[in-house]
Amino acid sequence: MSGTRRNATPDEVVVVPGGKPIIFFTILALVEEGDEVIYPNPGFPIYESMIHFLGAKAVPIQLREDLDFRLDVDELGGLINDRTKLIILNSPQNPPAVC
């Protein structure tokens, strides 16, 4: 946030023991049974299992090696529908681009 300072109050801070809990809390807060969640693949295996745990449909979008492990925006547009509740995007991607 180059040069920007934000004062946070204790009720705006969540401390978790790693990335999985906060990913789960976010999905849990936003997704209901029957919803669809688009997630990057390959990516964290926890995405798909948490989506299924909530009774939602996991919709993978392939991170393509020929695009330096980025997703195809046109493909993403084709996956979005009226049941899409969440699109998971992360940077840097997992796995990172291979050198």
PDB file of N, CA and C in Angstrom:
ATOM      1  N   MET A   1       0.824  -1.174   0.000  1.00  0.00           N
ATOM      2  CA  MET A   1       0.000   0.000   0.000  1.00  0.00           C
ATOM      3  C   MET A   1       0.871   1.242   0.000  1.00  0.00           C
ATOM      4  N   SER A   2       1.947   1.246  -0.608  1.00  0.00           N
ATOM      5  CA  SER A   2       2.950   2.296  -0.726  1.00  0.00           C
ATOM      6  C   SER A   2       2.544   3.646  -0.142  1.00  0.00           C
ATOM      7  N   GLY A   3       2.959   3.879   1.074  1.00  0.00           N
ATOM      8  CA  GLY A   3       2.741   5.173   1.682  1.00  0.00           C
ATOM      9  C   GLY A   3       1.386   5.360   2.335  1.00  0.00           C
ATOM     10  N   THR A   4       0.457   4.443   2.138  1.00  0.00           N
ATOM     11  CA  THR A   4      -0.865   4.574   2.733  1.00  0.00           C
ATOM     12  C   THR A   4      -0.876   3.878   4.079  1.00  0.00           C
ATOM     13  N   ARG A   5      -1.405   4.553   5.072  1.00  0.00           N
ATOM     14  CA  ARG A   5      -1.495   3.970   6.401  1.00  0.00           C
ATOM     15  C   ARG A   5      -2.963   3.825   6.770  1.00  0.00           C
ATOM     16  N   ARG A   6      -3.292   2.690   7.328  1.00  0.00           N
ATOM     17  CA  ARG A   6      -4.663   2.428   7.760  1.00  0.00           C
ATOM     18  C   ARG A   6      -4.638   2.057   9.217  1.00  0.00           C
ATOM     19  N   ASN A   7      -5.416   2.724   9.999  1.00  0.00           N
ATOM     20  CA  ASN A   7      -5.546   2.380  11.408  1.00  0.00           C
ATOM     21  C   ASN A   7      -6.647   1.347  11.549  1.00  0.00           C
ATOM     22  N   ALA A   8      -6.304   0.210  12.130  1.00  0.00           N
ATOM     23  CA  ALA A   8      -7.276  -0.863  12.337  1.00  0.00           C
ATOM     24  C   ALA A   8      -7.575  -0.996  13.814  1.00  0.00           C
ATOM     25  N   THR A   9      -8.830  -1.298  14.095  1.00  0.00           N
ATOM     26  CA  THR A   9      -9.223  -1.555  15.467  1.00  0.00           C
ATOM     27  C   THR A   9      -9.171  -3.059  15.712  1.00  0.00           C
ATOM     28  N   PRO A  10      -9.080  -3.487  16.948  1.00  0.00           N
ATOM     29  CA  PRO A  10      -9.000  -4.927  17.236  1.00  0.00           C
ATOM     30  C   PRO A  10     -10.154  -5.742  16.649  1.00  0.00           C
ATOM     31  N   ASP A  11     -11.357  -5.168  16.539  1.00  0.00           N
ATOM     32  CA  ASP A  11     -12.473  -5.925  15.986  1.00  0.00           C
ATOM     33  C   ASP A  11     -12.385  -6.072  14.458  1.00  0.00           C
ATOM     34  N   GLU A  12     -11.380  -5.469  13.831  1.00  0.00           N
ATOM     35  CA  GLU A  12     -11.159  -5.608  12.390  1.00  0.00           C
ATOM     36  C   GLU A  12     -10.009  -6.567  12.072  1.00  0.00           C
ATOM     37  N   VAL A  13      -9.458  -7.209  13.082  1.00  0.00           N
ATOM     38  CA  VAL A  13      -8.297  -8.074  12.909  1.00  0.00           C
ATOM     39  C   VAL A  13      -8.673  -9.516  13.221  1.00  0.00           C
ATOM     40  N   VAL A  14      -8.264 -10.428  12.349  1.00  0.00           N
ATOM     41  CA  VAL A  14      -8.461 -11.858  12.574  1.00  0.00           C
ATOM     42  C   VAL A  14      -7.087 -12.511  12.543  1.00  0.00           C
ATOM     43  N   VAL A  15      -6.745 -13.204  13.608  1.00  0.00           N
ATOM     44  CA  VAL A  15      -5.476 -13.910  13.690  1.00  0.00           C
ATOM     45  C   VAL A  15      -5.771 -15.392  13.503  1.00  0.00           C
ATOM     46  N   VAL A  16      -5.094 -16.003  12.542  1.00  0.00           N
ATOM     47  CA  VAL A  16      -5.323 -17.422  12.251  1.00  0.00           C
ATOM     48  C   VAL A  16      -3.984 -18.145  12.154  1.00  0.00           C
ATOM     49  N   PRO A  17      -3.992 -19.451  12.399  1.00  0.00           N
ATOM     50  CA  PRO A  17      -2.750 -20.226  12.354  1.00  0.00           C
ATOM     51  C   PRO A  17      -2.413 -20.734  10.956  1.00  0.00           C
ATOM     52  N   GLY A  18      -2.374 -19.845   9.968  1.00  0.00           N
ATOM     53  CA  GLY A  18      -2.062 -20.248   8.601  1.00  0.00           C
ATOM     54  C   GLY A  18      -3.145 -19.798   7.638  1.00  0.00           C
ATOM     55  N   GLY A  19      -2.969 -20.152   6.379  1.00  0.00           N
ATOM     56  CA  GLY A  19      -3.874 -19.695   5.335  1.00  0.00           C
ATOM     57  C   GLY A  19      -5.187 -20.460   5.233  1.00  0.00           C
ATOM     58  N   LYS A  20      -5.184 -21.754   5.576  1.00  0.00           N
ATOM     59  CA  LYS A  20      -6.390 -22.558   5.387  1.00  0.00           C
ATOM     60  C   LYS A  20      -7.592 -22.061   6.186  1.00  0.00           C
ATOM     61  N   PRO A  21      -7.420 -21.694   7.459  1.00  0.00           N
ATOM     62  CA  PRO A  21      -8.604 -21.235   8.200  1.00  0.00           C
ATOM     63  C   PRO A  21      -9.255 -20.003   7.585  1.00  0.00           C
ATOM     64  N   ILE A  22      -8.479 -19.029   7.158  1.00  0.00           N
ATOM     65  CA  ILE A  22      -9.085 -17.814   6.622  1.00  0.00           C
ATOM     66  C   ILE A  22      -9.734 -18.077   5.266  1.00  0.00           C
ATOM     67  N   ILE A  23      -9.160 -18.987   4.485  1.00  0.00           N
ATOM     68  CA  ILE A  23      -9.801 -19.389   3.233  1.00  0.00           C
ATOM     69  C   ILE A  23     -11.146 -20.044   3.558  1.00  0.00           C
ATOM     70  N   PHE A  24     -11.154 -20.929   4.550  1.00  0.00           N
ATOM     71  CA  PHE A  24     -12.389 -21.599   4.941  1.00  0.00           C
ATOM     72  C   PHE A  24     -13.423 -20.602   5.459  1.00  0.00           C
ATOM     73  N   PHE A  25     -13.012 -19.670   6.309  1.00  0.00           N
ATOM     74  CA  PHE A  25     -13.952 -18.694   6.857  1.00  0.00           C
ATOM     75  C   PHE A  25     -14.592 -17.857   5.749  1.00  0.00           C
ATOM     76  N   THR A  26     -13.799 -17.484   4.758  1.00  0.00           N
ATOM     77  CA  THR A  26     -14.315 -16.686   3.648  1.00  0.00           C
ATOM     78  C   THR A  26     -15.343 -17.471   2.843  1.00  0.00           C
ATOM     79  N   ILE A  27     -15.002 -18.694   2.491  1.00  0.00           N
ATOM     80  CA  ILE A  27     -15.931 -19.533   1.727  1.00  0.00           C
ATOM     81  C   ILE A  27     -17.184 -19.810   2.555  1.00  0.00           C
ATOM     82  N   LEU A  28     -17.005 -20.098   3.834  1.00  0.00           N
ATOM     83  CA  LEU A  28     -18.133 -20.372   4.721  1.00  0.00           C
ATOM     84  C   LEU A  28     -19.079 -19.174   4.815  1.00  0.00           C
ATOM     85  N   ALA A  29     -18.538 -17.975   4.838  1.00  0.00           N
ATOM     86  CA  ALA A  29     -19.353 -16.765   4.964  1.00  0.00           C
ATOM     87  C   ALA A  29     -20.124 -16.437   3.689  1.00  0.00           C
ATOM     88  N   LEU A  30     -19.621 -16.860   2.537  1.00  0.00           N
ATOM     89  CA  LEU A  30     -20.199 -16.410   1.270  1.00  0.00           C
ATOM     90  C   LEU A  30     -20.966 -17.470   0.483  1.00  0.00           C
ATOM     91  N   VAL A  31     -20.728 -18.751   0.763  1.00  0.00           N
ATOM     92  CA  VAL A  31     -21.231 -19.818  -0.096  1.00  0.00           C
ATOM     93  C   VAL A  31     -22.278 -20.655   0.627  1.00  0.00           C
ATOM     94  N   GLU A  32     -23.337 -20.986  -0.115  1.00  0.00           N
ATOM     95  CA  GLU A  32     -24.399 -21.843   0.412  1.00  0.00           C
ATOM     96  C   GLU A  32     -24.577 -23.049  -0.493  1.00  0.00           C
ATOM     97  N   GLU A  33     -25.294 -24.033   0.014  1.00  0.00           N
ATOM     98  CA  GLU A  33     -25.585 -25.231  -0.756  1.00  0.00           C
ATOM     99  C   GLU A  33     -26.247 -24.852  -2.074  1.00  0.00           C
ATOM    100  N   GLY A  34     -25.767 -25.455  -3.160  1.00  0.00           N
ATOM    101  CA  GLY A  34     -26.308 -25.180  -4.480  1.00  0.00           C
ATOM    102  C   GLY A  34     -25.596 -24.080  -5.249  1.00  0.00           C
ATOM    103  N   ASP A  35     -24.790 -23.279  -4.544  1.00  0.00           N
ATOM    104  CA  ASP A  35     -24.008 -22.245  -5.222  1.00  0.00           C
ATOM    105  C   ASP A  35     -22.884 -22.895  -6.023  1.00  0.00           C
ATOM    106  N   GLU A  36     -22.274 -22.111  -6.902  1.00  0.00           N
ATOM    107  CA  GLU A  36     -21.086 -22.544  -7.626  1.00  0.00           C
ATOM    108  C   GLU A  36     -19.930 -21.621  -7.278  1.00  0.00           C
ATOM    109  N   VAL A  37     -18.754 -22.219  -7.161  1.00  0.00           N
ATOM    110  CA  VAL A  37     -17.539 -21.470  -6.857  1.00  0.00           C
ATOM    111  C   VAL A  37     -16.497 -21.817  -7.908  1.00  0.00           C
ATOM    112  N   ILE A  38     -15.997 -20.808  -8.593  1.00  0.00           N
ATOM    113  CA  ILE A  38     -14.929 -21.000  -9.573  1.00  0.00           C
ATOM    114  C   ILE A  38     -13.606 -20.838  -8.841  1.00  0.00           C
ATOM    115  N   TYR A  39     -12.706 -21.806  -9.039  1.00  0.00           N
ATOM    116  CA  TYR A  39     -11.426 -21.778  -8.340  1.00  0.00           C
ATOM    117  C   TYR A  39     -10.294 -22.163  -9.295  1.00  0.00           C
ATOM    118  N   PRO A  40      -9.073 -21.663  -9.048  1.00  0.00           N
ATOM    119  CA  PRO A  40      -7.951 -21.956  -9.934  1.00  0.00           C
ATOM    120  C   PRO A  40      -7.452 -23.384  -9.765  1.00  0.00           C
ATOM    121  N   ASN A  41      -7.105 -23.999 -10.893  1.00  0.00           N
ATOM    122  CA  ASN A  41      -6.601 -25.366 -10.881  1.00  0.00           C
ATOM    123  C   ASN A  41      -5.461 -25.467 -11.891  1.00  0.00           C
ATOM    124  N   PRO A  42      -4.230 -25.854 -11.490  1.00  0.00           N
ATOM    125  CA  PRO A  42      -3.883 -26.314 -10.157  1.00  0.00           C
ATOM    126  C   PRO A  42      -3.875 -25.160  -9.158  1.00  0.00           C
ATOM    127  N   GLY A  43      -4.115 -25.530  -7.919  1.00  0.00           N
ATOM    128  CA  GLY A  43      -4.151 -24.557  -6.843  1.00  0.00           C
ATOM    129  C   GLY A  43      -4.169 -25.274  -5.517  1.00  0.00           C
ATOM    130  N   PHE A  44      -4.554 -24.576  -4.486  1.00  0.00           N
ATOM    131  CA  PHE A  44      -4.621 -25.191  -3.170  1.00  0.00           C
ATOM    132  C   PHE A  44      -5.701 -26.274  -3.175  1.00  0.00           C
ATOM    133  N   PRO A  45      -5.375 -27.521  -2.806  1.00  0.00           N
ATOM    134  CA  PRO A  45      -6.384 -28.592  -2.785  1.00  0.00           C
ATOM    135  C   PRO A  45      -7.557 -28.277  -1.857  1.00  0.00           C
ATOM    136  N   ILE A  46      -7.340 -27.426  -0.872  1.00  0.00           N
ATOM    137  CA  ILE A  46      -8.375 -27.124   0.106  1.00  0.00           C
ATOM    138  C   ILE A  46      -9.576 -26.417  -0.521  1.00  0.00           C
ATOM    139  N   TYR A  47      -9.368 -25.686  -1.630  1.00  0.00           N
ATOM    140  CA  TYR A  47     -10.490 -25.002  -2.270  1.00  0.00           C
ATOM    141  C   TYR A  47     -11.620 -25.980  -2.581  1.00  0.00           C
ATOM    142  N   GLU A  48     -11.294 -27.005  -3.338  1.00  0.00           N
ATOM    143  CA  GLU A  48     -12.323 -27.944  -3.793  1.00  0.00           C
ATOM    144  C   GLU A  48     -12.985 -28.666  -2.628  1.00  0.00           C
ATOM    145  N   SER A  49     -12.198 -29.114  -1.657  1.00  0.00           N
ATOM    146  CA  SER A  49     -12.796 -29.859  -0.546  1.00  0.00           C
ATOM    147  C   SER A  49     -13.704 -28.980   0.305  1.00  0.00           C
ATOM    148  N   MET A  50     -13.348 -27.734   0.522  1.00  0.00           N
ATOM    149  CA  MET A  50     -14.204 -26.839   1.308  1.00  0.00           C
ATOM    150  C   MET A  50     -15.493 -26.504   0.565  1.00  0.00           C
ATOM    151  N   ILE A  51     -15.389 -26.309  -0.731  1.00  0.00           N
ATOM    152  CA  ILE A  51     -16.575 -26.032  -1.543  1.00  0.00           C
ATOM    153  C   ILE A  51     -17.551 -27.207  -1.454  1.00  0.00           C
ATOM    154  N   HIS A  52     -17.038 -28.414  -1.613  1.00  0.00           N
ATOM    155  CA  HIS A  52     -17.893 -29.598  -1.527  1.00  0.00           C
ATOM    156  C   HIS A  52     -18.464 -29.778  -0.128  1.00  0.00           C
ATOM    157  N   PHE A  53     -17.671 -29.485   0.898  1.00  0.00           N
ATOM    158  CA  PHE A  53     -18.128 -29.596   2.283  1.00  0.00           C
ATOM    159  C   PHE A  53     -19.394 -28.775   2.512  1.00  0.00           C
ATOM    160  N   LEU A  54     -19.493 -27.628   1.858  1.00  0.00           N
ATOM    161  CA  LEU A  54     -20.643 -26.743   2.023  1.00  0.00           C
ATOM    162  C   LEU A  54     -21.813 -27.098   1.103  1.00  0.00           C
ATOM    163  N   GLY A  55     -21.647 -28.138   0.284  1.00  0.00           N
ATOM    164  CA  GLY A  55     -22.721 -28.545  -0.609  1.00  0.00           C
ATOM    165  C   GLY A  55     -22.795 -27.729  -1.879  1.00  0.00           C
ATOM    166  N   ALA A  56     -21.746 -26.992  -2.165  1.00  0.00           N
ATOM    167  CA  ALA A  56     -21.695 -26.189  -3.384  1.00  0.00           C
ATOM    168  C   ALA A  56     -20.977 -26.977  -4.483  1.00  0.00           C
ATOM    169  N   LYS A  57     -21.046 -26.469  -5.690  1.00  0.00           N
ATOM    170  CA  LYS A  57     -20.377 -27.109  -6.825  1.00  0.00           C
ATOM    171  C   LYS A  57     -19.051 -26.407  -7.078  1.00  0.00           C
ATOM    172  N   ALA A  58     -17.978 -27.176  -7.095  1.00  0.00           N
ATOM    173  CA  ALA A  58     -16.646 -26.662  -7.394  1.00  0.00           C
ATOM    174  C   ALA A  58     -16.457 -26.640  -8.905  1.00  0.00           C
ATOM    175  N   VAL A  59     -16.119 -25.463  -9.443  1.00  0.00           N
ATOM    176  CA  VAL A  59     -15.941 -25.293 -10.886  1.00  0.00           C
ATOM    177  C   VAL A  59     -14.497 -24.859 -11.124  1.00  0.00           C
ATOM    178  N   PRO A  60     -13.635 -25.783 -11.564  1.00  0.00           N
ATOM    179  CA  PRO A  60     -12.227 -25.412 -11.767  1.00  0.00           C
ATOM    180  C   PRO A  60     -12.029 -24.597 -13.032  1.00  0.00           C
ATOM    181  N   ILE A  61     -11.093 -23.658 -12.959  1.00  0.00           N
ATOM    182  CA  ILE A  61     -10.615 -22.976 -14.157  1.00  0.00           C
ATOM    183  C   ILE A  61      -9.128 -23.267 -14.250  1.00  0.00           C
ATOM    184  N   GLN A  62      -8.724 -23.771 -15.368  1.00  0.00           N
ATOM    185  CA  GLN A  62      -7.351 -24.220 -15.559  1.00  0.00           C
ATOM    186  C   GLN A  62      -6.381 -23.046 -15.632  1.00  0.00           C
ATOM    187  N   LEU A  63      -5.332 -23.117 -14.830  1.00  0.00           N
ATOM    188  CA  LEU A  63      -4.203 -22.194 -14.985  1.00  0.00           C
ATOM    189  C   LEU A  63      -3.308 -22.811 -16.049  1.00  0.00           C
ATOM    190  N   ARG A  64      -3.109 -22.127 -17.125  1.00  0.00           N
ATOM    191  CA  ARG A  64      -2.457 -22.709 -18.299  1.00  0.00           C
ATOM    192  C   ARG A  64      -0.969 -22.381 -18.361  1.00  0.00           C
ATOM    193  N   GLU A  65      -0.191 -23.435 -18.545  1.00  0.00           N
ATOM    194  CA  GLU A  65       1.263 -23.273 -18.628  1.00  0.00           C
ATOM    195  C   GLU A  65       1.641 -22.362 -19.788  1.00  0.00           C
ATOM    196  N   ASP A  66       0.934 -22.503 -20.929  1.00  0.00           N
ATOM    197  CA  ASP A  66       1.259 -21.659 -22.090  1.00  0.00           C
ATOM    198  C   ASP A  66       0.912 -20.184 -21.858  1.00  0.00           C
ATOM    199  N   LEU A  67       0.175 -19.895 -20.790  1.00  0.00           N
ATOM    200  CA  LEU A  67      -0.131 -18.514 -20.401  1.00  0.00           C
ATOM    201  C   LEU A  67       0.617 -18.140 -19.119  1.00  0.00           C
ATOM    202  N   ASP A  68       1.761 -18.819 -18.884  1.00  0.00           N
ATOM    203  CA  ASP A  68       2.553 -18.604 -17.668  1.00  0.00           C
ATOM    204  C   ASP A  68       1.720 -18.826 -16.410  1.00  0.00           C
ATOM    205  N   PHE A  69       0.919 -19.888 -16.437  1.00  0.00           N
ATOM    206  CA  PHE A  69       0.058 -20.288 -15.315  1.00  0.00           C
ATOM    207  C   PHE A  69      -0.938 -19.207 -14.925  1.00  0.00           C
ATOM    208  N   ARG A  70      -1.463 -18.529 -15.940  1.00  0.00           N
ATOM    209  CA  ARG A  70      -2.571 -17.600 -15.744  1.00  0.00           C
ATOM    210  C   ARG A  70      -3.821 -18.250 -16.321  1.00  0.00           C
ATOM    211  N   LEU A  71      -4.962 -17.719 -15.944  1.00  0.00           N
ATOM    212  CA  LEU A  71      -6.206 -18.241 -16.496  1.00  0.00           C
ATOM    213  C   LEU A  71      -6.572 -17.495 -17.773  1.00  0.00           C
ATOM    214  N   ASP A  72      -7.392 -18.122 -18.570  1.00  0.00           N
ATOM    215  CA  ASP A  72      -7.900 -17.520 -19.797  1.00  0.00           C
ATOM    216  C   ASP A  72      -9.167 -16.746 -19.438  1.00  0.00           C
ATOM    217  N   VAL A  73      -9.166 -15.434 -19.626  1.00  0.00           N
ATOM    218  CA  VAL A  73     -10.284 -14.581 -19.229  1.00  0.00           C
ATOM    219  C   VAL A  73     -11.562 -14.962 -19.984  1.00  0.00           C
ATOM    220  N   ASP A  74     -11.442 -15.340 -21.247  1.00  0.00           N
ATOM    221  CA  ASP A  74     -12.621 -15.751 -22.012  1.00  0.00           C
ATOM    222  C   ASP A  74     -13.220 -17.031 -21.438  1.00  0.00           C
ATOM    223  N   GLU A  75     -12.351 -17.961 -21.033  1.00  0.00           N
ATOM    224  CA  GLU A  75     -12.832 -19.193 -20.408  1.00  0.00           C
ATOM    225  C   GLU A  75     -13.556 -18.870 -19.094  1.00  0.00           C
ATOM    226  N   LEU A  76     -12.983 -17.957 -18.312  1.00  0.00           N
ATOM    227  CA  LEU A  76     -13.614 -17.542 -17.058  1.00  0.00           C
ATOM    228  C   LEU A  76     -15.009 -16.990 -17.322  1.00  0.00           C
ATOM    229  N   GLY A  77     -15.129 -16.127 -18.311  1.00  0.00           N
ATOM    230  CA  GLY A  77     -16.435 -15.559 -18.649  1.00  0.00           C
ATOM    231  C   GLY A  77     -17.463 -16.614 -19.001  1.00  0.00           C
ATOM    232  N   GLY A  78     -17.011 -17.683 -19.641  1.00  0.00           N
ATOM    233  CA  GLY A  78     -17.917 -18.770 -20.008  1.00  0.00           C
ATOM    234  C   GLY A  78     -18.358 -19.631 -18.837  1.00  0.00           C
ATOM    235  N   LEU A  79     -17.624 -19.576 -17.734  1.00  0.00           N
ATOM    236  CA  LEU A  79     -17.973 -20.380 -16.556  1.00  0.00           C
ATOM    237  C   LEU A  79     -18.944 -19.666 -15.616  1.00  0.00           C
ATOM    238  N   ILE A  80     -19.033 -18.364 -15.721  1.00  0.00           N
ATOM    239  CA  ILE A  80     -19.877 -17.583 -14.816  1.00  0.00           C
ATOM    240  C   ILE A  80     -21.339 -17.717 -15.224  1.00  0.00           C
ATOM    241  N   ASN A  81     -22.187 -18.022 -14.248  1.00  0.00           N
ATOM    242  CA  ASN A  81     -23.623 -18.114 -14.501  1.00  0.00           C
ATOM    243  C   ASN A  81     -24.387 -17.586 -13.290  1.00  0.00           C
ATOM    244  N   ASP A  82     -25.695 -17.732 -13.298  1.00  0.00           N
ATOM    245  CA  ASP A  82     -26.508 -17.163 -12.215  1.00  0.00           C
ATOM    246  C   ASP A  82     -26.322 -17.872 -10.876  1.00  0.00           C
ATOM    247  N   ARG A  83     -25.695 -19.041 -10.861  1.00  0.00           N
ATOM    248  CA  ARG A  83     -25.416 -19.741  -9.599  1.00  0.00           C
ATOM    249  C   ARG A  83     -24.007 -19.472  -9.083  1.00  0.00           C
ATOM    250  N   THR A  84     -23.183 -18.748  -9.851  1.00  0.00           N
ATOM    251  CA  THR A  84     -21.825 -18.433  -9.420  1.00  0.00           C
ATOM    252  C   THR A  84     -21.893 -17.470  -8.242  1.00  0.00           C
ATOM    253  N   LYS A  85     -21.379 -17.895  -7.103  1.00  0.00           N
ATOM    254  CA  LYS A  85     -21.420 -17.068  -5.899  1.00  0.00           C
ATOM    255  C   LYS A  85     -20.051 -16.482  -5.574  1.00  0.00           C
ATOM    256  N   LEU A  86     -18.983 -17.162  -6.008  1.00  0.00           N
ATOM    257  CA  LEU A  86     -17.641 -16.742  -5.635  1.00  0.00           C
ATOM    258  C   LEU A  86     -16.666 -17.163  -6.726  1.00  0.00           C
ATOM    259  N   ILE A  87     -15.725 -16.286  -7.009  1.00  0.00           N
ATOM    260  CA  ILE A  87     -14.607 -16.600  -7.905  1.00  0.00           C
ATOM    261  C   ILE A  87     -13.345 -16.396  -7.086  1.00  0.00           C
ATOM    262  N   ILE A  88     -12.570 -17.451  -6.943  1.00  0.00           N
ATOM    263  CA  ILE A  88     -11.334 -17.369  -6.180  1.00  0.00           C
ATOM    264  C   ILE A  88     -10.185 -17.052  -7.130  1.00  0.00           C
ATOM    265  N   LEU A  89      -9.522 -15.936  -6.876  1.00  0.00           N
ATOM    266  CA  LEU A  89      -8.331 -15.539  -7.624  1.00  0.00           C
ATOM    267  C   LEU A  89      -7.229 -15.315  -6.604  1.00  0.00           C
ATOM    268  N   ASN A  90      -6.048 -15.797  -6.882  1.00  0.00           N
ATOM    269  CA  ASN A  90      -4.949 -15.551  -5.960  1.00  0.00           C
ATOM    270  C   ASN A  90      -3.673 -15.222  -6.715  1.00  0.00           C
ATOM    271  N   SER A  91      -2.840 -14.439  -6.066  1.00  0.00           N
ATOM    272  CA  SER A  91      -1.574 -14.056  -6.642  1.00  0.00           C
ATOM    273  C   SER A  91      -0.570 -13.926  -5.507  1.00  0.00           C
ATOM    274  N   PRO A  92       0.555 -14.562  -5.554  1.00  0.00           N
ATOM    275  CA  PRO A  92       0.982 -15.374  -6.702  1.00  0.00           C
ATOM    276  C   PRO A  92       0.190 -16.685  -6.738  1.00  0.00           C
ATOM    277  N   GLN A  93       0.090 -17.242  -7.906  1.00  0.00           N
ATOM    278  CA  GLN A  93      -0.652 -18.466  -8.077  1.00  0.00           C
ATOM    279  C   GLN A  93       0.089 -19.615  -7.382  1.00  0.00           C
ATOM    280  N   ASN A  94      -0.624 -20.670  -7.153  1.00  0.00           N
ATOM    281  CA  ASN A  94      -0.039 -21.889  -6.624  1.00  0.00           C
ATOM    282  C   ASN A  94      -0.413 -23.002  -7.576  1.00  0.00           C
ATOM    283  N   PRO A  95       0.492 -23.633  -8.262  1.00  0.00           N
ATOM    284  CA  PRO A  95       1.938 -23.448  -8.175  1.00  0.00           C
ATOM    285  C   PRO A  95       2.376 -22.213  -8.936  1.00  0.00           C
ATOM    286  N   PRO A  96       3.505 -21.650  -8.547  1.00  0.00           N
ATOM    287  CA  PRO A  96       4.006 -20.485  -9.270  1.00  0.00           C
ATOM    288  C   PRO A  96       4.516 -20.880 -10.646  1.00  0.00           C
ATOM    289  N   ALA A  97       4.664 -19.905 -11.493  1.00  0.00           N
ATOM    290  CA  ALA A  97       5.194 -20.163 -12.831  1.00  0.00           C
ATOM    291  C   ALA A  97       6.564 -20.833 -12.740  1.00  0.00           C
ATOM    292  N   VAL A  98       6.786 -21.773 -13.597  1.00  0.00           N
ATOM    293  CA  VAL A  98       8.056 -22.498 -13.622  1.00  0.00           C
ATOM    294  C   VAL A  98       9.056 -21.726 -14.452  1.00  0.00           C
ATOM    295  N   CYS A  99      10.237 -21.517 -13.928  1.00  0.00           N
ATOM    296  CA  CYS A  99      11.279 -20.780 -14.660  1.00  0.00           C
ATOM    297  C   CYS A  99      12.043 -21.703 -15.585  1.00  0.00           C
TER     298      CYS A  99
END
